[in-house]
Protein backbone atom coordinates (compact mmCIF):
# COMPACT_ATOMS: atom_id res chain seq x y z
CA MET A 1 -1.33 -9.52 12.09
CA ILE A 2 -4.33 -9.74 9.76
CA ASP A 3 -7.55 -8.61 11.44
CA TYR A 4 -9.83 -11.17 9.83
CA GLU A 5 -12.04 -13.69 11.63
CA TYR A 6 -11.06 -16.60 9.39
CA SER A 7 -7.36 -15.74 9.06
CA ALA A 8 -6.35 -19.12 10.55
CA LEU A 9 -7.71 -20.83 7.45
CA PHE A 10 -4.87 -19.38 5.36
CA LEU A 11 -2.46 -21.59 7.32
CA LYS A 12 -4.42 -24.81 6.93
CA ASP A 13 -4.26 -27.40 4.15
CA SER A 14 -7.21 -28.46 2.04
CA VAL A 15 -9.05 -25.15 2.43
CA ASP A 16 -11.28 -24.14 -0.46
CA LYS A 17 -10.11 -20.74 -1.69
CA GLN A 18 -12.17 -18.89 -4.25
CA LEU A 19 -10.67 -15.68 -5.67
CA HIS A 20 -13.06 -12.95 -6.84
CA ILE A 21 -11.85 -9.94 -8.80
CA TYR A 22 -14.51 -7.35 -9.58
CA TYR A 23 -14.26 -4.50 -12.10
CA ASP A 24 -16.58 -2.04 -13.87
CA ASN A 25 -18.39 -1.35 -10.58
CA GLY A 26 -18.96 -5.04 -9.99
CA THR A 27 -20.46 -5.87 -13.38
CA GLY A 28 -17.21 -7.57 -14.43
CA HIS A 29 -16.16 -10.63 -12.46
CA ILE A 30 -13.02 -12.81 -12.62
CA THR A 31 -13.00 -16.10 -10.70
CA ASN A 32 -10.71 -19.10 -10.22
CA THR A 33 -11.88 -20.58 -13.51
CA ASP A 34 -10.57 -17.51 -15.36
CA LEU A 35 -7.13 -17.62 -13.76
CA TYR A 36 -4.31 -18.90 -15.95
CA ALA A 37 -2.47 -21.68 -14.06
CA GLU A 38 -3.91 -20.29 -10.78
CA ASP A 39 -1.25 -17.58 -10.85
CA PHE A 40 -1.81 -14.73 -8.35
CA THR A 41 0.76 -12.61 -6.46
CA LEU A 42 0.30 -9.89 -3.83
CA LYS A 43 3.21 -7.56 -3.01
CA GLU A 44 3.31 -5.12 -0.09
CA SER A 45 6.25 -3.36 1.54
CA LEU A 46 6.88 -0.46 3.90
CA CYS A 47 10.47 -0.07 2.72
CA SER A 48 12.05 -2.31 0.08
CA GLU A 49 15.43 -0.56 0.14
CA SER A 50 18.54 -2.27 1.51
CA GLN A 51 18.44 -0.11 4.65
CA LEU A 52 15.27 0.67 6.56
CA HIS A 53 14.48 4.36 6.97
CA PHE A 54 11.39 6.28 7.99
CA GLY A 55 9.23 7.96 5.40
CA GLY A 56 8.71 5.01 3.06
CA CYS A 57 5.50 5.20 1.02
CA GLU A 58 5.43 2.32 -1.47
CA ALA A 59 2.54 1.14 -3.58
CA GLY A 60 1.11 -2.32 -3.04
CA SER A 61 0.40 -4.44 -6.11
CA VAL A 62 -1.28 -7.57 -7.37
CA GLU A 63 -0.32 -9.55 -10.43
CA PHE A 64 -2.24 -12.42 -11.96
CA LYS A 65 -2.72 -14.25 -15.23
CA ILE A 66 -6.10 -14.81 -16.84
CA ALA A 67 -7.27 -16.57 -19.96
CA ASN A 68 -7.12 -14.26 -22.96
CA SER A 69 -10.67 -13.03 -23.49
CA GLY A 70 -9.53 -10.18 -25.74
CA ILE A 71 -10.88 -7.56 -23.30
CA SER A 72 -8.23 -5.28 -21.81
CA LEU A 73 -8.45 -4.29 -18.15
CA LYS A 74 -5.85 -1.52 -18.42
CA GLY A 75 -6.97 1.62 -16.58
CA LYS A 76 -9.80 -0.18 -14.79
CA THR A 77 -10.22 -0.27 -11.01
CA ILE A 78 -10.46 -3.75 -9.53
CA ASN A 79 -11.49 -5.00 -6.11
CA VAL A 80 -9.89 -8.27 -5.04
CA GLN A 81 -11.47 -10.64 -2.51
CA MET A 82 -11.15 -14.29 -1.49
CA VAL A 83 -13.78 -16.58 0.00
CA LEU A 84 -12.40 -19.28 2.32
CA ASN A 85 -14.34 -22.49 2.93
CA ASN A 86 -17.53 -21.00 1.51
CA HIS A 87 -17.72 -18.15 4.04
CA THR A 88 -19.37 -15.91 1.47
CA ASN A 89 -20.73 -13.65 4.21
CA ALA A 90 -17.20 -12.58 5.18
CA PRO A 91 -14.76 -12.60 2.24
CA PHE A 92 -11.17 -11.58 2.85
CA THR A 93 -10.44 -8.28 1.07
CA PHE A 94 -7.03 -7.82 -0.55
CA GLY A 95 -7.84 -4.25 -1.51
CA THR A 96 -8.65 -1.92 -4.38
CA TYR A 97 -6.18 -1.53 -7.25
CA LYS A 98 -5.89 0.20 -10.61
CA VAL A 99 -4.64 -1.84 -13.56
CA GLN A 100 -1.46 -0.35 -15.06
CA ASN A 101 -0.40 -3.21 -17.33
CA ASP A 102 -2.37 -5.79 -19.27
CA LYS A 103 -0.06 -7.76 -21.54
CA PRO A 104 -0.54 -11.03 -23.43
CA THR A 105 1.60 -14.00 -22.41
CA ALA A 106 4.20 -15.32 -24.84
CA ASP A 107 1.81 -18.03 -26.06
CA ARG A 108 -1.04 -15.49 -26.44
CA PHE A 109 -3.40 -17.80 -24.57
CA GLY A 110 -3.39 -15.63 -21.46
CA ARG A 111 -2.78 -12.11 -20.21
CA VAL A 112 -0.65 -10.85 -17.34
CA ILE A 113 -2.42 -8.20 -15.27
CA THR A 114 -0.48 -5.86 -12.97
CA ALA A 115 -2.41 -3.44 -10.77
CA TYR A 116 -1.36 -1.02 -8.02
CA ASP A 117 -3.15 0.54 -5.08
CA ALA A 118 -3.87 4.26 -4.77
CA MET A 119 -0.36 4.99 -3.52
CA TYR A 120 0.92 4.50 -7.09
CA ASP A 121 -0.93 7.55 -8.40
CA ILE A 122 0.07 9.64 -5.38
CA ILE A 123 3.82 9.04 -5.53
CA ASN A 124 3.96 9.42 -9.32
CA ALA A 125 1.90 12.62 -9.52
CA ASN A 126 3.34 16.00 -10.47
CA MET A 127 2.15 18.24 -7.61
CA LEU A 128 3.66 21.59 -8.58
CA THR A 129 0.35 23.28 -9.44
CA TRP A 130 -1.20 22.05 -6.19
CA TRP A 131 1.89 23.17 -4.25
CA ASN A 132 1.80 26.68 -5.70
CA ALA A 133 -1.86 27.03 -4.70
CA LEU A 134 -1.12 26.36 -1.01
CA PRO A 135 -1.01 29.31 1.40
CA ALA A 136 2.33 30.84 2.40
CA THR A 137 2.34 29.02 5.74
CA PHE A 138 0.56 25.88 6.87
CA SER A 139 0.77 23.09 9.44
CA ILE A 140 1.81 19.54 8.67
CA LYS A 141 -1.76 18.42 9.36
CA THR A 142 -3.13 20.99 6.93
CA LEU A 143 -0.62 19.82 4.34
CA ARG A 144 -1.53 16.15 4.56
CA ASN A 145 -5.26 16.88 4.66
CA SER A 146 -4.94 19.00 1.52
CA LEU A 147 -2.87 16.32 -0.20
CA PHE A 148 -5.41 13.55 0.31
CA THR A 149 -8.38 15.75 -0.41
CA TYR A 150 -6.74 16.43 -3.77
CA PHE A 151 -6.63 12.68 -4.51
CA GLY A 152 -10.03 11.96 -2.99
CA ILE A 153 -8.60 9.47 -0.51
CA THR A 154 -9.76 9.10 3.08
CA GLN A 155 -7.15 9.12 5.83
CA LYS A 156 -7.68 6.85 8.82
CA ALA A 157 -8.25 9.20 11.76
CA THR A 158 -4.97 9.80 13.55
CA THR A 159 -2.86 12.52 15.14
CA LEU A 160 0.78 12.52 14.11
CA PRO A 161 3.47 13.72 16.55
CA ASN A 162 4.41 16.76 14.47
CA ASP A 163 1.03 17.66 13.03
CA ASN A 164 1.13 21.13 14.59
CA ILE A 165 4.50 22.16 13.19
CA THR A 166 4.12 25.21 10.94
CA ILE A 167 5.93 25.32 7.60
CA THR A 168 6.77 28.37 5.53
CA LYS A 169 6.32 27.32 1.93
CA PRO A 170 9.53 27.42 -0.12
CA THR A 171 9.53 28.10 -3.85
CA LEU A 172 9.95 24.84 -5.77
CA GLU A 173 10.58 24.19 -9.44
CA LYS A 174 9.26 20.65 -9.25
CA VAL A 175 7.68 18.44 -6.63
CA SER A 176 6.03 15.03 -6.74
CA GLY A 177 3.48 13.39 -4.51
CA LYS A 178 6.23 11.10 -3.27
CA ASP A 179 8.34 14.10 -2.21
CA ILE A 180 5.47 15.53 -0.17
CA LEU A 181 4.30 12.30 1.45
CA HIS A 182 7.84 11.06 2.15
CA ALA A 183 8.63 14.33 3.95
CA ILE A 184 5.44 14.13 6.04
CA CYS A 185 6.10 10.53 7.08
CA GLU A 186 9.82 10.99 7.70
CA LEU A 187 9.17 14.02 9.92
CA ASN A 188 6.72 11.96 11.96
CA GLY A 189 8.81 8.77 12.14
CA CYS A 190 6.31 6.63 10.28
CA PHE A 191 5.51 4.95 6.97
CA GLY A 192 2.70 5.70 4.53
CA HIS A 193 0.44 2.84 3.47
CA ILE A 194 -2.87 2.28 1.69
CA ASP A 195 -4.83 -0.32 3.66
CA ARG A 196 -7.26 -2.95 2.39
CA ASN A 197 -10.17 -0.52 2.75
CA ASN A 198 -8.42 1.94 0.41
CA GLN A 199 -7.65 4.32 3.29
CA MET A 200 -4.37 6.12 3.93
CA VAL A 201 -2.79 4.94 7.19
CA TYR A 202 0.40 5.97 8.95
CA LEU A 203 2.30 3.00 10.36
CA THR A 204 4.95 3.08 13.07
CA LEU A 205 7.32 0.38 14.26
CA GLY A 206 6.40 -1.47 17.42
CA GLU A 207 8.05 -0.71 20.72
CA ILE A 208 11.74 -1.64 20.67
CA ILE A 209 12.46 -3.98 23.57
CA GLU A 210 15.93 -3.61 25.00
CA GLY A 211 18.02 -6.78 24.88
CA SER A 212 20.56 -8.05 27.37
CA TYR A 213 23.88 -6.28 26.92
CA PRO A 214 27.03 -6.16 29.07
CA ALA A 215 27.39 -3.11 31.30
CA ASP A 216 29.62 -0.34 29.94
CA ASP A 217 32.06 -0.70 32.85
CA LEU A 218 32.73 -4.36 31.99
CA TYR A 219 34.29 -3.63 28.63
CA PRO A 220 37.13 -4.30 27.74
CA SER A 221 37.52 -6.67 30.68
CA ASN A 222 39.41 -9.86 29.82
CA THR A 223 36.77 -11.85 31.68
CA LEU A 224 33.83 -10.39 29.79
CA TYR A 225 33.38 -13.46 27.60
């Protein structure tokens, strides 16, 4: 559920929705009038594979088309917000993203912008030098704190079930940020996610409620069904 005071407005018709995309520390500003055919897509997933498994750490993304101003946004950090029904005092924040692709449309009248959240840089980073600089033994908590200090990203305060497990560092020939973060999350039965405030959060599945199933001693009774 979205923790936003005006979230109900997303489900209503005839609601004025004004998109605001800021870049260059807020000096650059993209609005609805700059969007090409009002095209905007947000993608988020904990695990997009065919089978769900713990440890997923996937980057969220936004994609939109804007009129071709001739100014490339590639490499820039953008902050995406939306104002609903003129509630300018409390805009909905989609998050902070870094533009990876800025390509002209086929007709050259617009550009397609694709940007990813901070998870993109983490999972695609070569972490071998960082890994080799770690001490010979460390706890899971020390490992994750060191990882996010390296990227300058704040973790939402939490205690993971296996934070206190001590690891003896093996010798590795290569290791990526995804390898490290996936291992941390898988060991703790959770998923890694960058939230809308650009913080690292660890998400777990809700409590599994047992359904109604026949008793073991009824099967394979002929009268079971």
